Amino acid sequence: MDLERLKLLRDAAKRGKYAPLHDFLIQHFLLQPTRKEWNTTFRELEGLLGFALPKSARIHRPWWANNQGQGGGHSHALAWEMAGWRTARVDLADETLLFRRE
């Protein structure tokens, strides 16, 4: 990916609807550089964001897909991808997931 496009995507992640998640993951990395994983719940994410996740996040596994940032993707995926994290072990029934740092 060219550097100008990467800068545009990072800027979009920093100012988008899901910017609080992006900022949290950046801070998480700075404060705990050896920590490579973060287990969380949908409710915890909603508290961090300040709004409810869309219904599609609770019923469609693809909502949590990675590698969306390369093509411009969805703003929620840009938030974690541009912060250097990926989703893993998404459990829609238990409403939990794991973020892994790249």
Protein backbone atom coordinates (compact mmCIF):
# COMPACT_ATOMS: atom_id res chain seq x y z
CA MET A 1 0.00 0.00 0.00
CA ASP A 2 1.44 3.38 -0.88
CA LEU A 3 2.28 5.75 1.94
CA GLU A 4 -0.21 8.44 0.94
CA ARG A 5 -3.10 5.97 0.96
CA LEU A 6 -1.96 4.57 4.30
CA LYS A 7 -1.89 8.09 5.75
CA LEU A 8 -5.43 8.74 4.48
CA LEU A 9 -6.68 5.49 6.03
CA ARG A 10 -5.00 6.24 9.36
CA ASP A 11 -6.48 9.74 9.39
CA ALA A 12 -9.93 8.28 8.68
CA ALA A 13 -9.55 5.81 11.58
CA LYS A 14 -8.50 8.61 13.95
CA ARG A 15 -11.53 10.78 13.25
CA GLY A 16 -14.25 8.26 12.42
CA LYS A 17 -17.17 6.97 14.45
CA TYR A 18 -14.99 4.19 15.88
CA ALA A 19 -12.08 6.49 16.77
CA PRO A 20 -12.46 5.75 20.53
CA LEU A 21 -11.62 2.09 19.79
CA HIS A 22 -8.67 3.11 17.61
CA ASP A 23 -7.37 5.44 20.33
CA PHE A 24 -7.81 2.82 23.06
CA LEU A 25 -5.87 0.21 21.08
CA ILE A 26 -3.07 2.69 20.36
CA GLN A 27 -2.83 3.58 24.08
CA HIS A 28 -3.02 -0.10 25.04
CA PHE A 29 0.03 -0.71 22.86
CA LEU A 30 1.98 2.23 24.30
CA LEU A 31 1.24 1.42 27.94
CA GLN A 32 1.72 -2.34 27.65
CA PRO A 33 4.09 -3.03 24.73
CA THR A 34 4.53 -6.71 25.58
CA ARG A 35 0.81 -7.42 25.67
CA LYS A 36 -0.22 -8.98 22.37
CA GLU A 37 -3.85 -9.86 23.06
CA TRP A 38 -6.96 -8.27 24.51
CA ASN A 39 -10.06 -10.32 25.38
CA THR A 40 -13.19 -8.22 25.48
CA THR A 41 -16.95 -8.32 25.27
CA PHE A 42 -19.37 -6.51 23.00
CA ARG A 43 -20.69 -4.65 26.07
CA GLU A 44 -17.20 -3.50 27.02
CA LEU A 45 -16.67 -2.23 23.48
CA GLU A 46 -19.98 -0.38 23.62
CA GLY A 47 -18.92 1.27 26.87
CA LEU A 48 -15.65 2.33 25.27
CA LEU A 49 -17.39 3.63 22.16
CA GLY A 50 -20.28 5.31 23.92
CA PHE A 51 -22.92 3.76 21.66
CA ALA A 52 -24.42 0.36 20.89
CA LEU A 53 -22.85 -1.84 18.25
CA PRO A 54 -25.10 -2.32 15.24
CA LYS A 55 -27.30 -5.41 15.14
CA SER A 56 -25.19 -6.75 12.28
CA ALA A 57 -22.19 -6.99 14.64
CA ARG A 58 -24.19 -9.43 16.75
CA ILE A 59 -25.51 -11.65 13.96
CA HIS A 60 -23.02 -11.50 11.04
CA ARG A 61 -19.52 -12.88 11.58
CA PRO A 62 -18.18 -10.95 8.53
CA TRP A 63 -18.79 -7.68 10.41
CA TRP A 64 -15.68 -8.57 12.41
CA ALA A 65 -13.55 -9.43 9.36
CA ASN A 66 -9.97 -8.22 9.05
CA ASN A 67 -8.09 -6.94 6.00
CA GLN A 68 -10.79 -4.46 5.13
CA GLY A 69 -8.46 -1.50 5.54
CA GLN A 70 -6.45 -2.34 2.44
CA GLY A 71 -9.43 -1.63 0.24
CA GLY A 72 -10.81 1.21 2.31
CA GLY A 73 -13.17 -1.11 4.12
CA HIS A 74 -15.55 -0.34 6.94
CA SER A 75 -14.87 2.32 9.54
CA HIS A 76 -15.05 -0.16 12.41
CA ALA A 77 -12.41 -2.43 10.85
CA LEU A 78 -10.20 0.57 10.03
CA ALA A 79 -10.25 1.46 13.73
CA TRP A 80 -8.53 -1.74 14.81
CA GLU A 81 -6.47 -2.35 11.69
CA MET A 82 -4.90 1.11 11.57
CA ALA A 83 -4.03 0.73 15.25
CA GLY A 84 -2.16 -2.49 14.40
CA TRP A 85 -4.66 -5.04 15.77
CA ARG A 86 -6.75 -7.86 14.29
CA THR A 87 -9.86 -9.62 15.49
CA ALA A 88 -9.75 -13.31 16.42
CA ARG A 89 -12.02 -15.84 18.12
CA VAL A 90 -15.23 -13.89 17.67
CA ASP A 91 -18.04 -15.65 19.53
CA LEU A 92 -21.37 -14.18 18.47
CA ALA A 93 -23.37 -16.33 20.93
CA ASP A 94 -21.32 -15.21 23.96
CA GLU A 95 -20.68 -11.75 22.47
CA THR A 96 -16.94 -11.94 23.09
CA LEU A 97 -13.86 -11.58 20.96
CA LEU A 98 -10.12 -11.44 21.08
CA PHE A 99 -8.02 -8.69 19.54
CA ARG A 100 -4.44 -9.63 18.61
CA ARG A 101 -1.72 -7.14 17.93
CA GLU A 102 -0.04 -7.59 14.57
